[in-house]
Amino acid sequence: MCPIYEAETQMAKPAQRSYSRYAREAAELLGLLIHNARVERELTVADVAERAGVSRGLVNRIEKGDMGCSIGAAFELAAIVGLRLFEAEPTTLTRHLSMARDKLTLLPKAVRTGTKRVKDEF
């Protein structure tokens, strides 16, 4: 393969993303809660990884609060170890989700910044 073409097809790794303290602490808390629930249920990292269909490394990263992990994978691990992320029962959670979707239908599809004011004074 041509070196120029090869360089063009490789994407540059993005710079380190910065996260707020709140977001970092929330990810760390979620990871610790997942870890504690897993240990309480006497599940190994391999057990949880196999059930979730992810690697053991991803389970370890989630448990350490790594911000680069998929939220879907973290939620799936929480479900597998029996960690309830919301205080509501599953039926209540479904009702809240339905209400949030209903509210979303009333909101605009997109948020746009204000347009420049037209100078129509001649």
Protein backbone atom coordinates (compact mmCIF):
# COMPACT_ATOMS: atom_id res chain seq x y z
CA MET A 1 0.00 0.00 0.00
CA CYS A 2 1.19 3.49 -0.79
CA PRO A 3 2.59 5.25 2.32
CA ILE A 4 0.74 8.46 1.49
CA TYR A 5 -2.58 6.66 1.12
CA GLU A 6 -1.93 4.68 4.31
CA ALA A 7 -1.31 7.89 6.27
CA GLU A 8 -4.50 9.42 4.90
CA THR A 9 -6.66 6.45 5.90
CA GLN A 10 -5.42 6.31 9.49
CA MET A 11 -7.33 8.56 11.82
CA ALA A 12 -5.38 10.57 14.32
CA LYS A 13 -5.99 9.64 17.92
CA PRO A 14 -8.01 12.40 19.56
CA ALA A 15 -6.42 14.41 22.32
CA GLN A 16 -7.20 13.40 25.89
CA ARG A 17 -10.77 14.45 26.62
CA SER A 18 -11.33 16.36 29.81
CA TYR A 19 -14.28 15.55 32.04
CA SER A 20 -15.82 17.47 34.90
CA ARG A 21 -15.08 16.38 38.43
CA TYR A 22 -18.73 15.42 38.83
CA ALA A 23 -18.62 13.12 35.80
CA ARG A 24 -15.35 11.49 36.90
CA GLU A 25 -16.67 10.88 40.41
CA ALA A 26 -19.96 9.50 39.07
CA ALA A 27 -18.10 7.02 36.85
CA GLU A 28 -15.87 6.01 39.74
CA LEU A 29 -18.90 5.55 42.02
CA LEU A 30 -20.70 3.45 39.42
CA GLY A 31 -17.59 1.30 38.98
CA LEU A 32 -17.23 0.77 42.72
CA LEU A 33 -20.91 -0.11 43.07
CA ILE A 34 -20.62 -2.65 40.26
CA HIS A 35 -17.45 -4.10 41.79
CA ASN A 36 -18.99 -4.38 45.26
CA ALA A 37 -22.18 -6.00 43.93
CA ARG A 38 -20.11 -8.47 41.89
CA VAL A 39 -17.99 -9.45 44.89
CA GLU A 40 -21.07 -9.75 47.16
CA ARG A 41 -22.60 -12.17 44.67
CA GLU A 42 -19.30 -14.07 44.49
CA LEU A 43 -18.98 -13.58 40.74
CA THR A 44 -15.56 -13.43 39.11
CA VAL A 45 -14.62 -10.85 36.50
CA ALA A 46 -14.57 -13.69 33.96
CA ASP A 47 -18.11 -14.76 34.94
CA VAL A 48 -19.50 -11.27 34.49
CA ALA A 49 -17.55 -10.66 31.28
CA GLU A 50 -18.85 -13.88 29.76
CA ARG A 51 -22.47 -13.13 30.70
CA ALA A 52 -22.19 -9.58 29.34
CA GLY A 53 -20.35 -10.63 26.19
CA VAL A 54 -17.44 -8.28 26.88
CA SER A 55 -13.77 -8.72 27.72
CA ARG A 56 -12.43 -9.08 31.25
CA GLY A 57 -10.38 -5.96 30.58
CA LEU A 58 -13.53 -3.93 29.90
CA VAL A 59 -15.08 -5.17 33.14
CA ASN A 60 -11.94 -4.09 35.02
CA ARG A 61 -11.94 -0.69 33.32
CA ILE A 62 -15.60 -0.10 34.15
CA GLU A 63 -15.02 -1.10 37.78
CA LYS A 64 -12.16 1.42 37.95
CA GLY A 65 -14.36 4.21 36.59
CA ASP A 66 -12.66 4.53 33.21
CA MET A 67 -14.48 7.33 31.36
CA GLY A 68 -13.79 5.82 27.94
CA CYS A 69 -16.08 2.82 28.47
CA SER A 70 -19.46 2.52 26.83
CA ILE A 71 -22.37 3.51 29.06
CA GLY A 72 -24.31 0.58 27.62
CA ALA A 73 -21.64 -1.87 28.78
CA ALA A 74 -21.60 -0.29 32.25
CA PHE A 75 -25.41 -0.50 32.51
CA GLU A 76 -25.34 -4.12 31.35
CA LEU A 77 -22.76 -5.03 34.02
CA ALA A 78 -24.91 -3.29 36.63
CA ALA A 79 -27.93 -5.34 35.55
CA ILE A 80 -25.95 -8.59 35.60
CA VAL A 81 -24.67 -8.07 39.15
CA GLY A 82 -28.14 -6.98 40.32
CA LEU A 83 -27.29 -3.33 40.90
CA ARG A 84 -30.35 -1.12 40.58
CA LEU A 85 -29.27 2.18 39.10
CA PHE A 86 -32.57 3.89 39.77
CA GLU A 87 -34.63 3.75 42.92
CA ALA A 88 -37.75 2.80 41.02
CA GLU A 89 -39.09 -0.70 40.50
CA PRO A 90 -38.87 -1.92 36.88
CA THR A 91 -42.54 -1.08 36.24
CA THR A 92 -42.07 2.39 37.73
CA LEU A 93 -38.95 2.86 35.63
CA THR A 94 -40.94 1.97 32.52
CA ARG A 95 -43.60 4.52 33.49
CA HIS A 96 -40.96 7.24 34.05
CA LEU A 97 -39.40 6.39 30.70
CA SER A 98 -42.79 6.69 29.00
CA MET A 99 -43.40 10.08 30.65
CA ALA A 100 -39.96 11.33 29.58
CA ARG A 101 -40.63 10.22 26.00
CA ASP A 102 -44.02 11.98 26.06
CA LYS A 103 -42.37 15.17 27.28
CA LEU A 104 -39.73 14.89 24.57
CA THR A 105 -42.43 14.89 21.90
CA LEU A 106 -43.53 18.32 23.14
CA LEU A 107 -40.04 19.82 22.94
CA PRO A 108 -38.46 21.10 19.73
CA LYS A 109 -36.46 18.55 17.72
CA ALA A 110 -33.34 20.73 17.79
CA VAL A 111 -32.01 23.73 19.65
CA ARG A 112 -30.62 26.44 17.44
CA THR A 113 -28.61 29.47 18.35
CA GLY A 114 -30.21 32.80 17.58
CA THR A 115 -29.82 34.07 14.06
CA LYS A 116 -28.29 37.41 13.25
CA ARG A 117 -30.77 40.21 13.26
CA VAL A 118 -31.55 41.53 9.83
CA LYS A 119 -30.86 45.23 9.37
CA ASP A 120 -33.83 46.37 7.34
CA GLU A 121 -33.54 50.07 8.07
CA PHE A 122 -32.61 51.75 4.81
